[in-house]
PDB file of N, CA and C in Angstrom:
ATOM      1  N   UNK A   1       0.816  -1.189   0.000  1.00  0.00           N
ATOM      2  CA  UNK A   1       0.000   0.000   0.000  1.00  0.00           C
ATOM      3  C   UNK A   1       0.865   1.261   0.000  1.00  0.00           C
ATOM      4  N   UNK A   2       1.998   1.201   0.680  1.00  0.00           N
ATOM      5  CA  UNK A   2       2.895   2.368   0.686  1.00  0.00           C
ATOM      6  C   UNK A   2       3.328   2.719  -0.734  1.00  0.00           C
ATOM      7  N   UNK A   3       3.607   1.701  -1.531  1.00  0.00           N
ATOM      8  CA  UNK A   3       3.988   1.923  -2.922  1.00  0.00           C
ATOM      9  C   UNK A   3       2.866   2.637  -3.669  1.00  0.00           C
ATOM     10  N   UNK A   4       1.636   2.171  -3.508  1.00  0.00           N
ATOM     11  CA  UNK A   4       0.501   2.772  -4.205  1.00  0.00           C
ATOM     12  C   UNK A   4       0.278   4.216  -3.750  1.00  0.00           C
ATOM     13  N   UNK A   5       0.453   4.472  -2.477  1.00  0.00           N
ATOM     14  CA  UNK A   5       0.293   5.834  -1.958  1.00  0.00           C
ATOM     15  C   UNK A   5       1.324   6.760  -2.606  1.00  0.00           C
ATOM     16  N   UNK A   6       2.571   6.316  -2.656  1.00  0.00           N
ATOM     17  CA  UNK A   6       3.624   7.146  -3.256  1.00  0.00           C
ATOM     18  C   UNK A   6       3.361   7.378  -4.743  1.00  0.00           C
ATOM     19  N   UNK A   7       2.933   6.351  -5.442  1.00  0.00           N
ATOM     20  CA  UNK A   7       2.665   6.490  -6.871  1.00  0.00           C
ATOM     21  C   UNK A   7       1.483   7.411  -7.132  1.00  0.00           C
ATOM     22  N   UNK A   8       0.461   7.342  -6.280  1.00  0.00           N
ATOM     23  CA  UNK A   8      -0.755   8.136  -6.491  1.00  0.00           C
ATOM     24  C   UNK A   8      -0.437   9.626  -6.589  1.00  0.00           C
ATOM     25  N   UNK A   9       0.273  10.142  -5.618  1.00  0.00           N
ATOM     26  CA  UNK A   9       0.615  11.566  -5.641  1.00  0.00           C
ATOM     27  C   UNK A   9       1.628  11.870  -6.735  1.00  0.00           C
ATOM     28  N   UNK A  10       2.557  10.943  -6.959  1.00  0.00           N
ATOM     29  CA  UNK A  10       3.552  11.139  -8.007  1.00  0.00           C
ATOM     30  C   UNK A  10       2.904  11.252  -9.374  1.00  0.00           C
ATOM     31  N   UNK A  11       1.900  10.426  -9.662  1.00  0.00           N
ATOM     32  CA  UNK A  11       1.249  10.479 -10.970  1.00  0.00           C
ATOM     33  C   UNK A  11       0.524  11.811 -11.168  1.00  0.00           C
ATOM     34  N   UNK A  12      -0.037  12.369 -10.110  1.00  0.00           N
ATOM     35  CA  UNK A  12      -0.640  13.703 -10.236  1.00  0.00           C
ATOM     36  C   UNK A  12       0.432  14.703 -10.639  1.00  0.00           C
ATOM     37  N   UNK A  13       1.587  14.650 -10.005  1.00  0.00           N
ATOM     38  CA  UNK A  13       2.675  15.570 -10.325  1.00  0.00           C
ATOM     39  C   UNK A  13       3.194  15.397 -11.733  1.00  0.00           C
ATOM     40  N   UNK A  14       3.347  14.152 -12.179  1.00  0.00           N
ATOM     41  CA  UNK A  14       3.813  13.883 -13.540  1.00  0.00           C
ATOM     42  C   UNK A  14       2.843  14.479 -14.552  1.00  0.00           C
ATOM     43  N   UNK A  15       1.568  14.196 -14.365  1.00  0.00           N
ATOM     44  CA  UNK A  15       0.554  14.689 -15.313  1.00  0.00           C
ATOM     45  C   UNK A  15       0.475  16.210 -15.309  1.00  0.00           C
ATOM     46  N   UNK A  16       0.514  16.803 -14.133  1.00  0.00           N
ATOM     47  CA  UNK A  16       0.447  18.262 -14.043  1.00  0.00           C
ATOM     48  C   UNK A  16       1.673  18.915 -14.663  1.00  0.00           C
ATOM     49  N   UNK A  17       2.843  18.326 -14.463  1.00  0.00           N
ATOM     50  CA  UNK A  17       4.072  18.898 -15.035  1.00  0.00           C
ATOM     51  C   UNK A  17       4.020  18.868 -16.562  1.00  0.00           C
ATOM     52  N   UNK A  18       3.562  17.762 -17.131  1.00  0.00           N
ATOM     53  CA  UNK A  18       3.475  17.665 -18.587  1.00  0.00           C
ATOM     54  C   UNK A  18       2.419  18.626 -19.122  1.00  0.00           C
ATOM     55  N   UNK A  19       1.280  18.693 -18.461  1.00  0.00           N
ATOM     56  CA  UNK A  19       0.234  19.627 -18.892  1.00  0.00           C
ATOM     57  C   UNK A  19       0.727  21.071 -18.802  1.00  0.00           C
ATOM     58  N   UNK A  20       1.453  21.395 -17.739  1.00  0.00           N
ATOM     59  CA  UNK A  20       2.011  22.736 -17.572  1.00  0.00           C
ATOM     60  C   UNK A  20       2.983  23.050 -18.700  1.00  0.00           C
ATOM     61  N   UNK A  21       3.844  22.093 -19.015  1.00  0.00           N
ATOM     62  CA  UNK A  21       4.811  22.306 -20.099  1.00  0.00           C
ATOM     63  C   UNK A  21       4.088  22.607 -21.410  1.00  0.00           C
ATOM     64  N   UNK A  22       3.097  21.791 -21.757  1.00  0.00           N
ATOM     65  CA  UNK A  22       2.348  22.011 -23.009  1.00  0.00           C
ATOM     66  C   UNK A  22       1.682  23.377 -23.015  1.00  0.00           C
ATOM     67  N   UNK A  23       0.965  23.688 -21.937  1.00  0.00           N
ATOM     68  CA  UNK A  23       0.134  24.895 -21.917  1.00  0.00           C
ATOM     69  C   UNK A  23       0.937  26.183 -21.809  1.00  0.00           C
ATOM     70  N   UNK A  24       2.182  26.082 -21.340  1.00  0.00           N
ATOM     71  CA  UNK A  24       3.016  27.286 -21.236  1.00  0.00           C
ATOM     72  C   UNK A  24       3.995  27.418 -22.397  1.00  0.00           C
ATOM     73  N   UNK A  25       3.900  26.498 -23.350  1.00  0.00           N
ATOM     74  CA  UNK A  25       4.745  26.590 -24.538  1.00  0.00           C
ATOM     75  C   UNK A  25       6.127  25.994 -24.388  1.00  0.00           C
ATOM     76  N   UNK A  26       6.370  25.275 -23.301  1.00  0.00           N
ATOM     77  CA  UNK A  26       7.664  24.611 -23.143  1.00  0.00           C
ATOM     78  C   UNK A  26       7.676  23.327 -23.962  1.00  0.00           C
ATOM     79  N   UNK A  27       8.828  22.842 -24.279  1.00  0.00           N
ATOM     80  CA  UNK A  27       8.972  21.571 -24.981  1.00  0.00           C
ATOM     81  C   UNK A  27       8.907  20.468 -23.925  1.00  0.00           C
ATOM     82  N   UNK A  28       7.816  19.702 -23.888  1.00  0.00           N
ATOM     83  CA  UNK A  28       7.666  18.683 -22.841  1.00  0.00           C
ATOM     84  C   UNK A  28       8.787  17.653 -22.827  1.00  0.00           C
ATOM     85  N   UNK A  29       9.334  17.299 -23.985  1.00  0.00           N
ATOM     86  CA  UNK A  29      10.433  16.337 -24.015  1.00  0.00           C
ATOM     87  C   UNK A  29      11.668  16.907 -23.314  1.00  0.00           C
ATOM     88  N   UNK A  30      11.960  18.179 -23.566  1.00  0.00           N
ATOM     89  CA  UNK A  30      13.103  18.805 -22.901  1.00  0.00           C
ATOM     90  C   UNK A  30      12.851  18.942 -21.402  1.00  0.00           C
ATOM     91  N   UNK A  31      11.612  19.228 -21.041  1.00  0.00           N
ATOM     92  CA  UNK A  31      11.275  19.325 -19.619  1.00  0.00           C
ATOM     93  C   UNK A  31      11.523  17.980 -18.942  1.00  0.00           C
ATOM     94  N   UNK A  32      11.051  16.889 -19.558  1.00  0.00           N
ATOM     95  CA  UNK A  32      11.264  15.565 -18.964  1.00  0.00           C
ATOM     96  C   UNK A  32      12.743  15.229 -18.855  1.00  0.00           C
ATOM     97  N   UNK A  33      13.517  15.568 -19.884  1.00  0.00           N
ATOM     98  CA  UNK A  33      14.959  15.319 -19.836  1.00  0.00           C
ATOM     99  C   UNK A  33      15.604  16.119 -18.710  1.00  0.00           C
ATOM    100  N   UNK A  34      15.144  17.344 -18.548  1.00  0.00           N
ATOM    101  CA  UNK A  34      15.719  18.234 -17.556  1.00  0.00           C
ATOM    102  C   UNK A  34      15.401  17.799 -16.122  1.00  0.00           C
ATOM    103  N   UNK A  35      14.153  17.481 -15.869  1.00  0.00           N
ATOM    104  CA  UNK A  35      13.770  17.173 -14.484  1.00  0.00           C
ATOM    105  C   UNK A  35      13.865  15.682 -14.146  1.00  0.00           C
ATOM    106  N   UNK A  36      13.961  14.834 -15.168  1.00  0.00           N
ATOM    107  CA  UNK A  36      13.971  13.398 -14.936  1.00  0.00           C
ATOM    108  C   UNK A  36      15.192  12.876 -14.208  1.00  0.00           C
ATOM    109  N   UNK A  37      16.289  13.610 -14.275  1.00  0.00           N
ATOM    110  CA  UNK A  37      17.508  13.151 -13.610  1.00  0.00           C
ATOM    111  C   UNK A  37      17.770  13.897 -12.305  1.00  0.00           C
ATOM    112  N   UNK A  38      16.853  14.777 -11.941  1.00  0.00           N
ATOM    113  CA  UNK A  38      17.016  15.534 -10.701  1.00  0.00           C
ATOM    114  C   UNK A  38      16.103  15.034  -9.602  1.00  0.00           C
ATOM    115  N   UNK A  39      15.826  15.907  -8.670  1.00  0.00           N
ATOM    116  CA  UNK A  39      15.021  15.540  -7.505  1.00  0.00           C
ATOM    117  C   UNK A  39      13.606  15.112  -7.876  1.00  0.00           C
ATOM    118  N   UNK A  40      13.094  15.585  -8.996  1.00  0.00           N
ATOM    119  CA  UNK A  40      11.742  15.213  -9.423  1.00  0.00           C
ATOM    120  C   UNK A  40      11.711  13.891 -10.183  1.00  0.00           C
ATOM    121  N   UNK A  41      12.863  13.352 -10.483  1.00  0.00           N
ATOM    122  CA  UNK A  41      12.934  12.123 -11.261  1.00  0.00           C
ATOM    123  C   UNK A  41      12.275  10.958 -10.548  1.00  0.00           C
ATOM    124  N   UNK A  42      11.611  10.118 -11.314  1.00  0.00           N
ATOM    125  CA  UNK A  42      10.975   8.916 -10.785  1.00  0.00           C
ATOM    126  C   UNK A  42      10.749   7.944 -11.938  1.00  0.00           C
ATOM    127  N   UNK A  43      10.468   6.704 -11.604  1.00  0.00           N
ATOM    128  CA  UNK A  43      10.152   5.724 -12.631  1.00  0.00           C
ATOM    129  C   UNK A  43       8.943   6.193 -13.433  1.00  0.00           C
ATOM    130  N   UNK A  44       7.931   6.701 -12.753  1.00  0.00           N
ATOM    131  CA  UNK A  44       6.716   7.148 -13.437  1.00  0.00           C
ATOM    132  C   UNK A  44       7.012   8.293 -14.396  1.00  0.00           C
ATOM    133  N   UNK A  45       7.790   9.258 -13.962  1.00  0.00           N
ATOM    134  CA  UNK A  45       8.130  10.395 -14.829  1.00  0.00           C
ATOM    135  C   UNK A  45       8.923   9.927 -16.039  1.00  0.00           C
ATOM    136  N   UNK A  46       9.937   9.116 -15.816  1.00  0.00           N
ATOM    137  CA  UNK A  46      10.841   8.719 -16.899  1.00  0.00           C
ATOM    138  C   UNK A  46      10.261   7.663 -17.837  1.00  0.00           C
ATOM    139  N   UNK A  47       9.329   6.866 -17.366  1.00  0.00           N
ATOM    140  CA  UNK A  47       8.765   5.814 -18.206  1.00  0.00           C
ATOM    141  C   UNK A  47       7.360   6.130 -18.708  1.00  0.00           C
ATOM    142  N   UNK A  48       6.526   6.673 -17.843  1.00  0.00           N
ATOM    143  CA  UNK A  48       5.152   6.972 -18.257  1.00  0.00           C
ATOM    144  C   UNK A  48       5.019   8.353 -18.875  1.00  0.00           C
ATOM    145  N   UNK A  49       5.900   9.283 -18.508  1.00  0.00           N
ATOM    146  CA  UNK A  49       5.866  10.619 -19.103  1.00  0.00           C
ATOM    147  C   UNK A  49       5.950  10.580 -20.621  1.00  0.00           C
ATOM    148  N   UNK A  50       6.953   9.892 -21.188  1.00  0.00           N
ATOM    149  CA  UNK A  50       7.024   9.803 -22.647  1.00  0.00           C
ATOM    150  C   UNK A  50       5.799   9.116 -23.262  1.00  0.00           C
ATOM    151  N   UNK A  51       5.256   8.137 -22.573  1.00  0.00           N
ATOM    152  CA  UNK A  51       4.057   7.474 -23.088  1.00  0.00           C
ATOM    153  C   UNK A  51       2.875   8.448 -23.113  1.00  0.00           C
ATOM    154  N   UNK A  52       2.761   9.267 -22.091  1.00  0.00           N
ATOM    155  CA  UNK A  52       1.698  10.280 -22.058  1.00  0.00           C
ATOM    156  C   UNK A  52       1.834  11.189 -23.272  1.00  0.00           C
ATOM    157  N   UNK A  53       3.049  11.636 -23.536  1.00  0.00           N
ATOM    158  CA  UNK A  53       3.263  12.566 -24.643  1.00  0.00           C
ATOM    159  C   UNK A  53       2.964  11.933 -25.995  1.00  0.00           C
ATOM    160  N   UNK A  54       3.069  10.611 -26.091  1.00  0.00           N
ATOM    161  CA  UNK A  54       2.723   9.908 -27.331  1.00  0.00           C
ATOM    162  C   UNK A  54       1.237   9.543 -27.395  1.00  0.00           C
ATOM    163  N   UNK A  55       0.504   9.824 -26.331  1.00  0.00           N
ATOM    164  CA  UNK A  55      -0.905   9.447 -26.292  1.00  0.00           C
ATOM    165  C   UNK A  55      -1.098   7.957 -26.060  1.00  0.00           C
ATOM    166  N   UNK A  56      -0.104   7.313 -25.459  1.00  0.00           N
ATOM    167  CA  UNK A  56      -0.144   5.883 -25.178  1.00  0.00           C
ATOM    168  C   UNK A  56      -0.652   5.664 -23.755  1.00  0.00           C
ATOM    169  N   UNK A  57      -1.900   5.265 -23.644  1.00  0.00           N
ATOM    170  CA  UNK A  57      -2.509   5.052 -22.337  1.00  0.00           C
ATOM    171  C   UNK A  57      -2.808   3.578 -22.073  1.00  0.00           C
ATOM    172  N   UNK A  58      -2.127   2.704 -22.821  1.00  0.00           N
ATOM    173  CA  UNK A  58      -2.301   1.268 -22.595  1.00  0.00           C
ATOM    174  C   UNK A  58      -1.786   0.916 -21.202  1.00  0.00           C
ATOM    175  N   UNK A  59      -2.425  -0.025 -20.560  1.00  0.00           N
ATOM    176  CA  UNK A  59      -2.083  -0.296 -19.164  1.00  0.00           C
ATOM    177  C   UNK A  59      -0.800  -1.084 -18.972  1.00  0.00           C
ATOM    178  N   UNK A  60      -0.063  -0.643 -17.987  1.00  0.00           N
ATOM    179  CA  UNK A  60       0.930  -1.460 -17.322  1.00  0.00           C
ATOM    180  C   UNK A  60       0.251  -1.912 -16.039  1.00  0.00           C
ATOM    181  N   UNK A  61      -0.486  -0.984 -15.459  1.00  0.00           N
ATOM    182  CA  UNK A  61      -1.331  -1.249 -14.288  1.00  0.00           C
ATOM    183  C   UNK A  61      -2.638  -0.507 -14.526  1.00  0.00           C
ATOM    184  N   UNK A  62      -3.727  -1.213 -14.394  1.00  0.00           N
ATOM    185  CA  UNK A  62      -5.043  -0.658 -14.720  1.00  0.00           C
ATOM    186  C   UNK A  62      -5.529   0.379 -13.708  1.00  0.00           C
ATOM    187  N   UNK A  63      -6.193   1.399 -14.227  1.00  0.00           N
ATOM    188  CA  UNK A  63      -6.835   2.418 -13.389  1.00  0.00           C
ATOM    189  C   UNK A  63      -7.778   1.749 -12.394  1.00  0.00           C
ATOM    190  N   UNK A  64      -8.601   0.812 -12.845  1.00  0.00           N
ATOM    191  CA  UNK A  64      -9.596   0.180 -11.964  1.00  0.00           C
ATOM    192  C   UNK A  64      -8.933  -0.567 -10.804  1.00  0.00           C
ATOM    193  N   UNK A  65      -7.789  -1.172 -11.026  1.00  0.00           N
ATOM    194  CA  UNK A  65      -7.091  -1.868  -9.949  1.00  0.00           C
ATOM    195  C   UNK A  65      -6.400  -0.872  -9.009  1.00  0.00           C
ATOM    196  N   UNK A  66      -5.940   0.219  -9.579  1.00  0.00           N
ATOM    197  CA  UNK A  66      -5.310   1.266  -8.774  1.00  0.00           C
ATOM    198  C   UNK A  66      -6.334   1.876  -7.817  1.00  0.00           C
ATOM    199  N   UNK A  67      -7.537   2.109  -8.304  1.00  0.00           N
ATOM    200  CA  UNK A  67      -8.603   2.647  -7.449  1.00  0.00           C
ATOM    201  C   UNK A  67      -8.875   1.688  -6.298  1.00  0.00           C
ATOM    202  N   UNK A  68      -8.966   0.395  -6.598  1.00  0.00           N
ATOM    203  CA  UNK A  68      -9.206  -0.617  -5.561  1.00  0.00           C
ATOM    204  C   UNK A  68      -8.121  -0.525  -4.488  1.00  0.00           C
ATOM    205  N   UNK A  69      -6.870  -0.473  -4.908  1.00  0.00           N
ATOM    206  CA  UNK A  69      -5.761  -0.395  -3.960  1.00  0.00           C
ATOM    207  C   UNK A  69      -5.797   0.891  -3.142  1.00  0.00           C
ATOM    208  N   UNK A  70      -6.090   2.013  -3.794  1.00  0.00           N
ATOM    209  CA  UNK A  70      -6.147   3.283  -3.064  1.00  0.00           C
ATOM    210  C   UNK A  70      -7.249   3.264  -2.019  1.00  0.00           C
ATOM    211  N   UNK A  71      -8.382   2.646  -2.339  1.00  0.00           N
ATOM    212  CA  UNK A  71      -9.483   2.564  -1.370  1.00  0.00           C
ATOM    213  C   UNK A  71      -9.090   1.714  -0.165  1.00  0.00           C
ATOM    214  N   UNK A  72      -8.375   0.636  -0.408  1.00  0.00           N
ATOM    215  CA  UNK A  72      -7.884  -0.192   0.705  1.00  0.00           C
ATOM    216  C   UNK A  72      -6.948   0.628   1.582  1.00  0.00           C
ATOM    217  N   UNK A  73      -6.037   1.350   0.951  1.00  0.00           N
ATOM    218  CA  UNK A  73      -5.085   2.177   1.708  1.00  0.00           C
ATOM    219  C   UNK A  73      -5.812   3.272   2.480  1.00  0.00           C
ATOM    220  N   UNK A  74      -6.834   3.884   1.879  1.00  0.00           N
ATOM    221  CA  UNK A  74      -7.597   4.923   2.576  1.00  0.00           C
ATOM    222  C   UNK A  74      -8.348   4.358   3.772  1.00  0.00           C
ATOM    223  N   UNK A  75      -8.907   3.172   3.623  1.00  0.00           N
ATOM    224  CA  UNK A  75      -9.612   2.536   4.744  1.00  0.00           C
ATOM    225  C   UNK A  75      -8.655   2.287   5.899  1.00  0.00           C
ATOM    226  N   UNK A  76      -7.480   1.762   5.581  1.00  0.00           N
ATOM    227  CA  UNK A  76      -6.490   1.487   6.614  1.00  0.00           C
ATOM    228  C   UNK A  76      -6.010   2.783   7.262  1.00  0.00           C
ATOM    229  N   UNK A  77      -5.780   3.796   6.445  1.00  0.00           N
ATOM    230  CA  UNK A  77      -5.345   5.096   6.976  1.00  0.00           C
ATOM    231  C   UNK A  77      -6.381   5.636   7.955  1.00  0.00           C
ATOM    232  N   UNK A  78      -7.649   5.530   7.602  1.00  0.00           N
ATOM    233  CA  UNK A  78      -8.713   5.991   8.502  1.00  0.00           C
ATOM    234  C   UNK A  78      -8.707   5.205   9.808  1.00  0.00           C
ATOM    235  N   UNK A  79      -8.486   3.896   9.709  1.00  0.00           N
ATOM    236  CA  UNK A  79      -8.463   3.050  10.909  1.00  0.00           C
ATOM    237  C   UNK A  79      -7.359   3.450  11.876  1.00  0.00           C
ATOM    238  N   UNK A  80      -6.236   3.899  11.345  1.00  0.00           N
ATOM    239  CA  UNK A  80      -5.106   4.253  12.209  1.00  0.00           C
ATOM    240  C   UNK A  80      -5.023   5.755  12.488  1.00  0.00           C
ATOM    241  N   UNK A  81      -5.996   6.503  12.004  1.00  0.00           N
ATOM    242  CA  UNK A  81      -6.045   7.936  12.281  1.00  0.00           C
ATOM    243  C   UNK A  81      -5.125   8.787  11.424  1.00  0.00           C
ATOM    244  N   UNK A  82      -4.768   8.307  10.237  1.00  0.00           N
ATOM    245  CA  UNK A  82      -3.898   9.065   9.342  1.00  0.00           C
ATOM    246  C   UNK A  82      -4.727   9.826   8.321  1.00  0.00           C
ATOM    247  N   UNK A  83      -4.498  11.107   8.215  1.00  0.00           N
ATOM    248  CA  UNK A  83      -5.145  11.929   7.198  1.00  0.00           C
ATOM    249  C   UNK A  83      -4.303  11.866   5.928  1.00  0.00           C
ATOM    250  N   UNK A  84      -4.711  11.044   4.992  1.00  0.00           N
ATOM    251  CA  UNK A  84      -3.950  10.851   3.751  1.00  0.00           C
ATOM    252  C   UNK A  84      -4.533  11.768   2.672  1.00  0.00           C
ATOM    253  N   UNK A  85      -4.246  13.052   2.774  1.00  0.00           N
ATOM    254  CA  UNK A  85      -4.849  14.057   1.894  1.00  0.00           C
ATOM    255  C   UNK A  85      -4.501  13.839   0.423  1.00  0.00           C
ATOM    256  N   UNK A  86      -3.238  13.581   0.126  1.00  0.00           N
ATOM    257  CA  UNK A  86      -2.827  13.365  -1.263  1.00  0.00           C
ATOM    258  C   UNK A  86      -3.470  12.122  -1.847  1.00  0.00           C
ATOM    259  N   UNK A  87      -3.502  11.059  -1.070  1.00  0.00           N
ATOM    260  CA  UNK A  87      -4.111   9.813  -1.527  1.00  0.00           C
ATOM    261  C   UNK A  87      -5.605   9.999  -1.764  1.00  0.00           C
ATOM    262  N   UNK A  88      -6.255  10.721  -0.897  1.00  0.00           N
ATOM    263  CA  UNK A  88      -7.694  10.959  -1.059  1.00  0.00           C
ATOM    264  C   UNK A  88      -7.969  11.718  -2.353  1.00  0.00           C
ATOM    265  N   UNK A  89      -7.193  12.762  -2.603  1.00  0.00           N
ATOM    266  CA  UNK A  89      -7.370  13.535  -3.831  1.00  0.00           C
ATOM    267  C   UNK A  89      -7.092  12.675  -5.057  1.00  0.00           C
ATOM    268  N   UNK A  90      -6.007  11.911  -5.018  1.00  0.00           N
ATOM    269  CA  UNK A  90      -5.676  11.044  -6.150  1.00  0.00           C
ATOM    270  C   UNK A  90      -6.798  10.044  -6.416  1.00  0.00           C
ATOM    271  N   UNK A  91      -7.333   9.456  -5.381  1.00  0.00           N
ATOM    272  CA  UNK A  91      -8.408   8.485  -5.542  1.00  0.00           C
ATOM    273  C   UNK A  91      -9.633   9.148  -6.177  1.00  0.00           C
ATOM    274  N   UNK A  92      -9.958  10.342  -5.721  1.00  0.00           N
ATOM    275  CA  UNK A  92     -11.097  11.069  -6.299  1.00  0.00           C
ATOM    276  C   UNK A  92     -10.877  11.338  -7.787  1.00  0.00           C
ATOM    277  N   UNK A  93      -9.665  11.737  -8.146  1.00  0.00           N
ATOM    278  CA  UNK A  93      -9.358  12.011  -9.554  1.00  0.00           C
ATOM    279  C   UNK A  93      -9.427  10.743 -10.392  1.00  0.00           C
ATOM    280  N   UNK A  94      -8.878   9.661  -9.880  1.00  0.00           N
ATOM    281  CA  UNK A  94      -8.929   8.402 -10.621  1.00  0.00           C
ATOM    282  C   UNK A  94     -10.362   7.872 -10.732  1.00  0.00           C
ATOM    283  N   UNK A  95     -11.173   8.090  -9.706  1.00  0.00           N
ATOM    284  CA  UNK A  95     -12.577   7.684  -9.812  1.00  0.00           C
ATOM    285  C   UNK A  95     -13.290   8.485 -10.895  1.00  0.00           C
ATOM    286  N   UNK A  96     -12.964   9.766 -10.976  1.00  0.00           N
ATOM    287  CA  UNK A  96     -13.531  10.603 -12.045  1.00  0.00           C
ATOM    288  C   UNK A  96     -13.095  10.074 -13.411  1.00  0.00           C
ATOM    289  N   UNK A  97     -11.847   9.691 -13.522  1.00  0.00           N
ATOM    290  CA  UNK A  97     -11.320   9.128 -14.762  1.00  0.00           C
ATOM    291  C   UNK A  97     -12.069   7.846 -15.129  1.00  0.00           C
ATOM    292  N   UNK A  98     -12.307   6.991 -14.148  1.00  0.00           N
ATOM    293  CA  UNK A  98     -13.045   5.749 -14.392  1.00  0.00           C
ATOM    294  C   UNK A  98     -14.479   6.039 -14.830  1.00  0.00           C
ATOM    295  N   UNK A  99     -15.087   7.055 -14.243  1.00  0.00           N
ATOM    296  CA  UNK A  99     -16.452   7.448 -14.635  1.00  0.00           C
ATOM    297  C   UNK A  99     -16.494   7.905 -16.090  1.00  0.00           C
ATOM    298  N   UNK A 100     -15.365   8.355 -16.612  1.00  0.00           N
ATOM    299  CA  UNK A 100     -15.256   8.773 -18.012  1.00  0.00           C
ATOM    300  C   UNK A 100     -15.049   7.566 -18.935  1.00  0.00           C
ATOM    301  N   UNK A 101     -15.045   6.370 -18.364  1.00  0.00           N
ATOM    302  CA  UNK A 101     -14.865   5.164 -19.162  1.00  0.00           C
ATOM    303  C   UNK A 101     -13.420   4.743 -19.344  1.00  0.00           C
ATOM    304  N   UNK A 102     -12.513   5.223 -18.489  1.00  0.00           N
ATOM    305  CA  UNK A 102     -11.079   4.962 -18.652  1.00  0.00           C
ATOM    306  C   UNK A 102     -10.538   3.950 -17.644  1.00  0.00           C
ATOM    307  N   UNK A 103     -11.400   3.148 -17.033  1.00  0.00           N
ATOM    308  CA  UNK A 103     -10.972   2.202 -16.012  1.00  0.00           C
ATOM    309  C   UNK A 103     -10.034   1.115 -16.507  1.00  0.00           C
ATOM    310  N   UNK A 104     -10.072   0.816 -17.794  1.00  0.00           N
ATOM    311  CA  UNK A 104      -9.199  -0.213 -18.356  1.00  0.00           C
ATOM    312  C   UNK A 104      -7.942   0.368 -18.987  1.00  0.00           C
ATOM    313  N   UNK A 105      -7.667   1.611 -18.734  1.00  0.00           N
ATOM    314  CA  UNK A 105      -6.444   2.261 -19.226  1.00  0.00           C
ATOM    315  C   UNK A 105      -5.371   2.156 -18.151  1.00  0.00           C
ATOM    316  N   UNK A 106      -4.170   2.562 -18.522  1.00  0.00           N
ATOM    317  CA  UNK A 106      -3.068   2.576 -17.568  1.00  0.00           C
ATOM    318  C   UNK A 106      -3.152   3.791 -16.654  1.00  0.00           C
ATOM    319  N   UNK A 107      -2.429   3.741 -15.561  1.00  0.00           N
ATOM    320  CA  UNK A 107      -2.493   4.828 -14.581  1.00  0.00           C
ATOM    321  C   UNK A 107      -2.104   6.177 -15.173  1.00  0.00           C
ATOM    322  N   UNK A 108      -1.304   6.172 -16.238  1.00  0.00           N
ATOM    323  CA  UNK A 108      -0.895   7.432 -16.872  1.00  0.00           C
ATOM    324  C   UNK A 108      -2.069   8.117 -17.572  1.00  0.00           C
ATOM    325  N   UNK A 109      -3.184   7.420 -17.728  1.00  0.00           N
ATOM    326  CA  UNK A 109      -4.367   8.028 -18.354  1.00  0.00           C
ATOM    327  C   UNK A 109      -4.925   9.164 -17.503  1.00  0.00           C
ATOM    328  N   UNK A 110      -4.448   9.295 -16.272  1.00  0.00           N
ATOM    329  CA  UNK A 110      -4.855  10.429 -15.441  1.00  0.00           C
ATOM    330  C   UNK A 110      -4.630  11.742 -16.184  1.00  0.00           C
ATOM    331  N   UNK A 111      -3.660  11.755 -17.071  1.00  0.00           N
ATOM    332  CA  UNK A 111      -3.363  12.953 -17.857  1.00  0.00           C
ATOM    333  C   UNK A 111      -4.604  13.474 -18.588  1.00  0.00           C
ATOM    334  N   UNK A 112      -5.507  12.611 -18.942  1.00  0.00           N
ATOM    335  CA  UNK A 112      -6.711  13.012 -19.684  1.00  0.00           C
ATOM    336  C   UNK A 112      -7.540  14.031 -18.917  1.00  0.00           C
ATOM    337  N   UNK A 113      -7.424  14.050 -17.591  1.00  0.00           N
ATOM    338  CA  UNK A 113      -8.138  15.049 -16.797  1.00  0.00           C
ATOM    339  C   UNK A 113      -7.519  16.439 -16.935  1.00  0.00           C
ATOM    340  N   UNK A 114      -6.293  16.497 -17.408  1.00  0.00           N
ATOM    341  CA  UNK A 114      -5.575  17.761 -17.516  1.00  0.00           C
ATOM    342  C   UNK A 114      -5.596  18.335 -18.934  1.00  0.00           C
ATOM    343  N   UNK A 115      -6.062  17.554 -19.905  1.00  0.00           N
ATOM    344  CA  UNK A 115      -6.082  18.030 -21.295  1.00  0.00           C
ATOM    345  C   UNK A 115      -7.099  19.129 -21.486  1.00  0.00           C
TER     346      UNK A 115
END
């Protein structure tokens, strides 16, 4: 669950960074090259970022399974008194994505909410 929690917030950041690059006129490929080897670098940024830019939303891990895992983590967090604000927001966003019919896409499909 810790892995899923870390990925949930990270995927929001990856998607927002790419959307920001596009909308502000930056070259998203150069942005990924620039930040991918620094403190913002992550497997999701370096592997799913390029897929997002190509419009490749095929699953490595399904949105619908990610939602299931996030809900389990949120239930456990509530049981132990942890306010998991980032996880809660990520889960809400992914649920919205699933409501759009994207439950069988990969987690990088979150980007579709930012287009």
